[in-house]
Amino acid sequence: MDLVLSAADRYVFTPYVYPATWPEDNFFRQTLSLLIVTNLGAYILYFVFATLSYYFIFDHSLMKHPQFLKNQVYREIMFTVQALPWISIPTVALFLLELRGYSKLYDDVGGFPSGWFHLIVSVLSFLFFTDMLIYWIHRGLHHRLVYKHIHKPHHIWKIPTPFASHAFHPVDGFLQSLPYHIYPFIFPLHKVVYLGLYILVNIWTISIHDGDFRVPQILRPFINGSAHHTDHHMFFDYNYGQYFTLWDRIGGSFKNPSSFEGKGPLSYVKKMMEEKCSSHAGSACQDGKSLLGEFTKTE
């Protein structure tokens, strides 16, 4: 995060915001700057990528599903907008530790004998390490003593849209992001790679709520996509993973997505519209039929 803060100081904070007498390495200035940068970055990531996903990827026919809530998109957005500032507070505390040199983040690839090989391995280990911890944290949040207080708000959305991706209780949102921050305190990681992965995992979180259930056949046994995560929202006790199906298989919580079996929410909507179509003649029926081709693309 020091790369982002350094750029913000150079181009915005130092010349235009803070007095010249306030040193850039002052603890309170860094805290305030990180709060601004973290919140601004989170909102930009969320609104840009969730909006793009909603308009260009999300299948809007899912909004016809009976479990899709009234004013759901608005409610998802408002929930997120209110939660992000609270999630940012403990996140900034960890960013401060990184900024002040307590992590193993580095900026010189040549600092390791294996150089670029180590960098590539670190990306893979980051994904597997965080996927493992998120699985167990997520599963723990489903414990009956915890669920109704922290994780239940995210399960309001049975048929989520991309805007539900960050609609968490603040404690829930921070706990599920914690593995991303733990990793660089345990393992060496390049600063640019860390920043890139942090952006990537937020985009991935949006993607598993995007309602596009298509996954290449060869990847279906391994990748935890939107089809898997939608079933998690609908059936509760399955598919806790973030990127991969590995830990769900190890933990006995893997469920083959209902969408892969022709029993998912899009199939339900298709059947519902066919029944409606058969009971109504005329243009409404024709309009319903014209939409069915869209359903077959995803299930």
Foldseek 3Di string as FASTA:
>chain_A
DVVVLVVCCVPPCVPDNDDVVDDSPDPVNLLVSQLVVQLVVVVCLLCPLLVCLQVPPADVLLCVFPLNDDVNLVVLQVLLNVQRSLLSNVVSVLVSCVVVPLFQADADQVVDPVRPVVQVVLLVCLQVQLQVQQLVLLLVCLPPVRVVPWPVQLLSGLLFALSSLRNGHSVSNNSSCVSLSVVRRPDYHYPVSSVVVVSVLSSLSSQLNSNQQDDPPVCQQWFNHVLQVSCCSNVVQADSGRTTCVVRVVVVRHDRGVQVVCRDSLSVSLVVLCVVLVVDDDDSNVVSVVCVVVSVNRD
